[in-house]
C-alpha atoms as a PDB file:
ATOM      1  CA  MET A   1      84.253 419.293 127.837  1.00  0.00           C
ATOM      2  CA  ALA A   2      85.875 420.854 124.671  1.00  0.00           C
ATOM      3  CA  ASN A   3      88.368 418.173 124.666  1.00  0.00           C
ATOM      4  CA  LYS A   4      85.457 415.643 124.337  1.00  0.00           C
ATOM      5  CA  LYS A   5      83.676 417.611 121.610  1.00  0.00           C
ATOM      6  CA  GLN A   6      86.889 417.421 119.565  1.00  0.00           C
ATOM      7  CA  THR A   7      87.475 413.862 120.094  1.00  0.00           C
ATOM      8  CA  GLN A   8      84.068 413.226 118.713  1.00  0.00           C
ATOM      9  CA  SER A   9      84.183 415.360 115.899  1.00  0.00           C
ATOM     10  CA  ALA A  10      87.545 413.781 115.047  1.00  0.00           C
ATOM     11  CA  ASP A  11      85.835 410.338 115.488  1.00  0.00           C
ATOM     12  CA  ILE A  12      82.914 411.247 113.022  1.00  0.00           C
ATOM     13  CA  GLU A  13      85.617 412.654 110.712  1.00  0.00           C
ATOM     14  CA  LEU A  14      87.741 409.360 110.911  1.00  0.00           C
ATOM     15  CA  ASN A  15      84.484 407.337 110.354  1.00  0.00           C
ATOM     16  CA  LYS A  16      83.487 409.468 107.452  1.00  0.00           C
ATOM     17  CA  LEU A  17      87.142 408.987 106.015  1.00  0.00           C
ATOM     18  CA  GLU A  18      86.916 405.215 106.743  1.00  0.00           C
ATOM     19  CA  ASN A  19      83.780 404.841 104.902  1.00  0.00           C
ATOM     20  CA  ARG A  20      84.858 406.807 101.909  1.00  0.00           C
ATOM     21  CA  VAL A  21      88.187 404.440 101.803  1.00  0.00           C
ATOM     22  CA  GLU A  22      86.038 401.386 101.775  1.00  0.00           C
ATOM     23  CA  ASP A  23      83.916 402.741  99.115  1.00  0.00           C
ATOM     24  CA  LEU A  24      86.856 403.696  96.883  1.00  0.00           C
ATOM     25  CA  VAL A  25      88.643 400.115  97.707  1.00  0.00           C
ATOM     26  CA  SER A  26      85.213 398.609  96.332  1.00  0.00           C
ATOM     27  CA  VAL A  27      85.353 400.809  93.336  1.00  0.00           C
ATOM     28  CA  VAL A  28      88.934 399.809  92.515  1.00  0.00           C
ATOM     29  CA  SER A  29      88.036 396.232  92.880  1.00  0.00           C
ATOM     30  CA  LYS A  30      85.184 396.290  90.596  1.00  0.00           C
ATOM     31  CA  LEU A  31      87.134 398.340  87.960  1.00  0.00           C
ATOM     32  CA  LYS A  32      89.899 395.823  88.118  1.00  0.00           C
ATOM     33  CA  ASP A  33      87.598 392.878  87.431  1.00  0.00           C
ATOM     34  CA  GLU A  34      85.836 394.684  84.660  1.00  0.00           C
ATOM     35  CA  ASN A  35      89.227 395.591  83.337  1.00  0.00           C
ATOM     36  CA  ASN A  36      90.270 391.800  83.552  1.00  0.00           C
ATOM     37  CA  SER A  37      87.203 390.999  81.756  1.00  0.00           C
ATOM     38  CA  LEU A  38      87.376 393.324  79.035  1.00  0.00           C
ATOM     39  CA  ASN A  39      91.089 392.283  78.514  1.00  0.00           C
ATOM     40  CA  ALA A  40      90.212 388.302  78.399  1.00  0.00           C
ATOM     41  CA  SER A  41      87.277 389.177  75.982  1.00  0.00           C
ATOM     42  CA  ASN A  42      89.121 391.427  73.585  1.00  0.00           C
ATOM     43  CA  SER A  43      92.299 389.461  73.510  1.00  0.00           C
ATOM     44  CA  PRO A  44      91.632 386.855  70.740  1.00  0.00           C
ATOM     45  CA  SER A  45      89.860 389.456  68.414  1.00  0.00           C
ATOM     46  CA  LEU A  46      92.587 391.742  69.011  1.00  0.00           C
ATOM     47  CA  ALA A  47      95.196 389.108  68.369  1.00  0.00           C
ATOM     48  CA  ALA A  48      93.411 388.221  65.001  1.00  0.00           C
ATOM     49  CA  GLU A  49      93.253 391.955  63.975  1.00  0.00           C
ATOM     50  CA  ARG A  50      96.719 392.422  64.559  1.00  0.00           C
ATOM     51  CA  SER A  51      97.538 389.292  62.725  1.00  0.00           C
ATOM     52  CA  LYS A  52      95.214 390.276  59.681  1.00  0.00           C
ATOM     53  CA  ALA A  53      97.032 393.642  59.838  1.00  0.00           C
ATOM     54  CA  GLN A  54     100.711 392.315  59.583  1.00  0.00           C
ATOM     55  CA  GLU A  55      99.555 390.023  56.752  1.00  0.00           C
ATOM     56  CA  LYS A  56      98.204 393.053  54.849  1.00  0.00           C
ATOM     57  CA  ASN A  57     101.433 395.120  55.468  1.00  0.00           C
ATOM     58  CA  GLU A  58     103.416 392.262  54.162  1.00  0.00           C
ATOM     59  CA  LYS A  59     101.522 391.791  51.120  1.00  0.00           C
ATOM     60  CA  VAL A  60     101.808 395.801  50.524  1.00  0.00           C
ATOM     61  CA  ARG A  61     105.376 395.678  51.222  1.00  0.00           C
ATOM     62  CA  VAL A  62     106.111 392.813  48.670  1.00  0.00           C
ATOM     63  CA  ARG A  63     104.228 394.751  45.943  1.00  0.00           C
ATOM     64  CA  VAL A  64     106.024 398.214  46.764  1.00  0.00           C
ATOM     65  CA  GLU A  65     109.444 396.160  46.292  1.00  0.00           C
ATOM     66  CA  ALA A  66     107.990 394.975  43.024  1.00  0.00           C
ATOM     67  CA  MET A  67     107.052 398.356  41.899  1.00  0.00           C
ATOM     68  CA  ILE A  68     110.613 399.775  42.933  1.00  0.00           C
ATOM     69  CA  SER A  69     112.168 396.792  41.169  1.00  0.00           C
ATOM     70  CA  ARG A  70     110.176 397.488  38.095  1.00  0.00           C
ATOM     71  CA  LEU A  71     111.125 401.176  38.061  1.00  0.00           C
ATOM     72  CA  LYS A  72     114.908 400.574  38.410  1.00  0.00           C
ATOM     73  CA  ALA A  73     114.366 398.170  35.475  1.00  0.00           C
ATOM     74  CA  MET A  74     113.042 400.896  33.348  1.00  0.00           C
ATOM     75  CA  GLU A  75     115.518 403.325  34.054  1.00  0.00           C
ATOM     76  CA  LYS A  76     118.267 401.262  32.725  1.00  0.00           C
END
């Protein structure tokens, strides 16, 4: 009798655990899909933003180098 109750209790707990795992698998799948979607939609805008930042950095670098050259020329 006690064995049967333990088995039933174990089966109930196993079913609960199984349901929880299925729920978690479902959530992970949804999150993967959402992540892929976000990466796909942000990729072009992020690439453009990065390119713009690189161009801006290059312009600033050129200006700073020119300033340094002028300062060195003034020292002489």
